[in-house]
C-alpha atoms as a PDB file:
ATOM      1  CA  UNK A   1     167.664 -61.478 226.262  1.00  0.00           C
ATOM      2  CA  UNK A   2     164.390 -60.098 225.016  1.00  0.00           C
ATOM      3  CA  UNK A   3     161.361 -62.284 225.359  1.00  0.00           C
ATOM      4  CA  UNK A   4     158.548 -62.440 222.856  1.00  0.00           C
ATOM      5  CA  UNK A   5     156.370 -60.406 225.191  1.00  0.00           C
ATOM      6  CA  UNK A   6     159.037 -57.666 225.344  1.00  0.00           C
ATOM      7  CA  UNK A   7     159.188 -57.589 221.551  1.00  0.00           C
ATOM      8  CA  UNK A   8     155.392 -57.516 221.286  1.00  0.00           C
ATOM      9  CA  UNK A   9     155.173 -54.710 223.853  1.00  0.00           C
ATOM     10  CA  UNK A  10     157.821 -52.735 222.018  1.00  0.00           C
ATOM     11  CA  UNK A  11     156.016 -53.248 218.735  1.00  0.00           C
ATOM     12  CA  UNK A  12     152.703 -52.158 220.268  1.00  0.00           C
ATOM     13  CA  UNK A  13     154.306 -49.093 221.821  1.00  0.00           C
ATOM     14  CA  UNK A  14     155.858 -48.172 218.468  1.00  0.00           C
ATOM     15  CA  UNK A  15     152.543 -48.536 216.679  1.00  0.00           C
ATOM     16  CA  UNK A  16     150.672 -46.572 219.347  1.00  0.00           C
ATOM     17  CA  UNK A  17     153.207 -43.779 219.065  1.00  0.00           C
ATOM     18  CA  UNK A  18     152.706 -43.773 215.318  1.00  0.00           C
ATOM     19  CA  UNK A  19     148.922 -43.930 215.654  1.00  0.00           C
ATOM     20  CA  UNK A  20     148.773 -47.237 213.796  1.00  0.00           C
ATOM     21  CA  UNK A  21     148.080 -49.748 216.580  1.00  0.00           C
ATOM     22  CA  UNK A  22     144.769 -50.958 215.244  1.00  0.00           C
ATOM     23  CA  UNK A  23     145.008 -49.643 211.712  1.00  0.00           C
ATOM     24  CA  UNK A  24     146.660 -52.716 210.200  1.00  0.00           C
ATOM     25  CA  UNK A  25     144.711 -55.435 208.470  1.00  0.00           C
ATOM     26  CA  UNK A  26     144.199 -58.864 209.995  1.00  0.00           C
ATOM     27  CA  UNK A  27     146.663 -60.318 207.467  1.00  0.00           C
ATOM     28  CA  UNK A  28     149.297 -57.697 208.222  1.00  0.00           C
ATOM     29  CA  UNK A  29     148.879 -58.315 211.949  1.00  0.00           C
ATOM     30  CA  UNK A  30     149.362 -62.058 211.435  1.00  0.00           C
ATOM     31  CA  UNK A  31     152.414 -61.357 209.251  1.00  0.00           C
ATOM     32  CA  UNK A  32     153.863 -59.164 211.996  1.00  0.00           C
ATOM     33  CA  UNK A  33     153.112 -61.767 214.678  1.00  0.00           C
ATOM     34  CA  UNK A  34     154.933 -64.449 212.690  1.00  0.00           C
ATOM     35  CA  UNK A  35     157.870 -62.086 212.155  1.00  0.00           C
ATOM     36  CA  UNK A  36     158.023 -61.466 215.908  1.00  0.00           C
ATOM     37  CA  UNK A  37     158.047 -65.188 216.618  1.00  0.00           C
ATOM     38  CA  UNK A  38     160.775 -65.759 214.025  1.00  0.00           C
ATOM     39  CA  UNK A  39     163.005 -62.880 215.167  1.00  0.00           C
ATOM     40  CA  UNK A  40     164.960 -64.761 217.871  1.00  0.00           C
ATOM     41  CA  UNK A  41     165.738 -67.587 215.424  1.00  0.00           C
ATOM     42  CA  UNK A  42     166.785 -65.117 212.732  1.00  0.00           C
ATOM     43  CA  UNK A  43     169.148 -63.430 215.168  1.00  0.00           C
ATOM     44  CA  UNK A  44     170.535 -66.792 216.258  1.00  0.00           C
ATOM     45  CA  UNK A  45     171.068 -67.837 212.648  1.00  0.00           C
ATOM     46  CA  UNK A  46     172.926 -64.609 211.882  1.00  0.00           C
ATOM     47  CA  UNK A  47     175.107 -65.071 214.964  1.00  0.00           C
ATOM     48  CA  UNK A  48     175.935 -68.695 214.119  1.00  0.00           C
ATOM     49  CA  UNK A  49     176.540 -67.842 210.460  1.00  0.00           C
ATOM     50  CA  UNK A  50     179.002 -65.142 211.425  1.00  0.00           C
ATOM     51  CA  UNK A  51     180.845 -67.537 213.699  1.00  0.00           C
ATOM     52  CA  UNK A  52     180.890 -70.223 210.982  1.00  0.00           C
ATOM     53  CA  UNK A  53     182.320 -67.739 208.480  1.00  0.00           C
ATOM     54  CA  UNK A  54     185.022 -66.743 210.970  1.00  0.00           C
ATOM     55  CA  UNK A  55     185.838 -70.411 211.606  1.00  0.00           C
ATOM     56  CA  UNK A  56     186.099 -70.992 207.862  1.00  0.00           C
ATOM     57  CA  UNK A  57     188.468 -68.033 207.459  1.00  0.00           C
ATOM     58  CA  UNK A  58     190.535 -69.388 210.346  1.00  0.00           C
ATOM     59  CA  UNK A  59     190.619 -72.819 208.737  1.00  0.00           C
ATOM     60  CA  UNK A  60     188.866 -74.473 211.688  1.00  0.00           C
ATOM     61  CA  UNK A  61     186.820 -77.089 209.859  1.00  0.00           C
ATOM     62  CA  UNK A  62     185.688 -78.850 213.049  1.00  0.00           C
ATOM     63  CA  UNK A  63     184.284 -75.691 214.594  1.00  0.00           C
ATOM     64  CA  UNK A  64     182.617 -74.725 211.326  1.00  0.00           C
ATOM     65  CA  UNK A  65     180.944 -78.123 211.030  1.00  0.00           C
ATOM     66  CA  UNK A  66     179.752 -77.901 214.637  1.00  0.00           C
ATOM     67  CA  UNK A  67     178.253 -74.476 214.010  1.00  0.00           C
ATOM     68  CA  UNK A  68     176.591 -75.715 210.831  1.00  0.00           C
ATOM     69  CA  UNK A  69     175.000 -78.526 212.843  1.00  0.00           C
ATOM     70  CA  UNK A  70     173.701 -75.962 215.363  1.00  0.00           C
ATOM     71  CA  UNK A  71     172.182 -73.976 212.499  1.00  0.00           C
ATOM     72  CA  UNK A  72     170.159 -76.884 211.102  1.00  0.00           C
ATOM     73  CA  UNK A  73     167.298 -76.873 213.656  1.00  0.00           C
ATOM     74  CA  UNK A  74     167.140 -73.068 213.546  1.00  0.00           C
ATOM     75  CA  UNK A  75     166.828 -73.118 209.754  1.00  0.00           C
ATOM     76  CA  UNK A  76     164.109 -75.788 209.948  1.00  0.00           C
ATOM     77  CA  UNK A  77     162.094 -73.685 212.397  1.00  0.00           C
ATOM     78  CA  UNK A  78     162.394 -70.651 210.137  1.00  0.00           C
ATOM     79  CA  UNK A  79     161.472 -72.665 207.058  1.00  0.00           C
ATOM     80  CA  UNK A  80     158.352 -74.001 208.763  1.00  0.00           C
ATOM     81  CA  UNK A  81     156.952 -70.440 208.751  1.00  0.00           C
ATOM     82  CA  UNK A  82     157.783 -69.703 205.115  1.00  0.00           C
ATOM     83  CA  UNK A  83     154.578 -71.013 203.472  1.00  0.00           C
ATOM     84  CA  UNK A  84     152.328 -68.793 205.606  1.00  0.00           C
ATOM     85  CA  UNK A  85     154.663 -65.806 205.338  1.00  0.00           C
ATOM     86  CA  UNK A  86     154.579 -66.146 201.543  1.00  0.00           C
ATOM     87  CA  UNK A  87     150.779 -66.275 201.566  1.00  0.00           C
ATOM     88  CA  UNK A  88     150.552 -63.188 203.743  1.00  0.00           C
ATOM     89  CA  UNK A  89     153.220 -61.261 201.833  1.00  0.00           C
ATOM     90  CA  UNK A  90     150.732 -60.398 199.096  1.00  0.00           C
ATOM     91  CA  UNK A  91     148.834 -58.318 201.674  1.00  0.00           C
ATOM     92  CA  UNK A  92     151.862 -56.279 202.735  1.00  0.00           C
ATOM     93  CA  UNK A  93     153.398 -55.262 199.428  1.00  0.00           C
ATOM     94  CA  UNK A  94     154.652 -51.720 198.816  1.00  0.00           C
ATOM     95  CA  UNK A  95     151.221 -50.650 197.563  1.00  0.00           C
ATOM     96  CA  UNK A  96     149.541 -51.801 200.806  1.00  0.00           C
ATOM     97  CA  UNK A  97     148.575 -49.227 203.439  1.00  0.00           C
ATOM     98  CA  UNK A  98     150.133 -51.601 206.013  1.00  0.00           C
ATOM     99  CA  UNK A  99     153.503 -51.767 204.280  1.00  0.00           C
ATOM    100  CA  UNK A 100     155.261 -49.020 206.265  1.00  0.00           C
ATOM    101  CA  UNK A 101     154.163 -50.407 209.647  1.00  0.00           C
ATOM    102  CA  UNK A 102     155.259 -53.935 208.708  1.00  0.00           C
ATOM    103  CA  UNK A 103     158.615 -52.765 207.355  1.00  0.00           C
ATOM    104  CA  UNK A 104     159.259 -50.632 210.450  1.00  0.00           C
ATOM    105  CA  UNK A 105     158.555 -53.615 212.676  1.00  0.00           C
ATOM    106  CA  UNK A 106     160.998 -55.677 210.601  1.00  0.00           C
ATOM    107  CA  UNK A 107     163.681 -52.993 211.024  1.00  0.00           C
ATOM    108  CA  UNK A 108     163.008 -52.795 214.766  1.00  0.00           C
ATOM    109  CA  UNK A 109     163.227 -56.571 215.189  1.00  0.00           C
ATOM    110  CA  UNK A 110     166.512 -56.803 213.283  1.00  0.00           C
ATOM    111  CA  UNK A 111     167.983 -53.923 215.284  1.00  0.00           C
ATOM    112  CA  UNK A 112     167.415 -55.904 218.484  1.00  0.00           C
ATOM    113  CA  UNK A 113     169.745 -58.733 217.399  1.00  0.00           C
ATOM    114  CA  UNK A 114     172.739 -58.995 219.696  1.00  0.00           C
ATOM    115  CA  UNK A 115     175.941 -60.400 218.294  1.00  0.00           C
END
């Protein structure tokens, strides 16, 4: 399993390779840091959601309810970051010079999810 430091190192290496390591604004950097911290929970939520959907298709109500209960704390952790993410999002819109770097990091983080 990747640790936060592995993700941060990968992100830094990607930005250095692209020549953008220190070119992002303070707000974009904070946005990216929050995304990195949220990535493991987002992957976990996707994994649990997929299992819950499979349990529903199989008609296994007990398993589905158990998975839904496991998702609750993950969702709460993700939701706790939403106010700040929404504030920072105005700095990383498509017209922002930081947009491409932030979106690439988002793609890289999602690609690291293991199911």
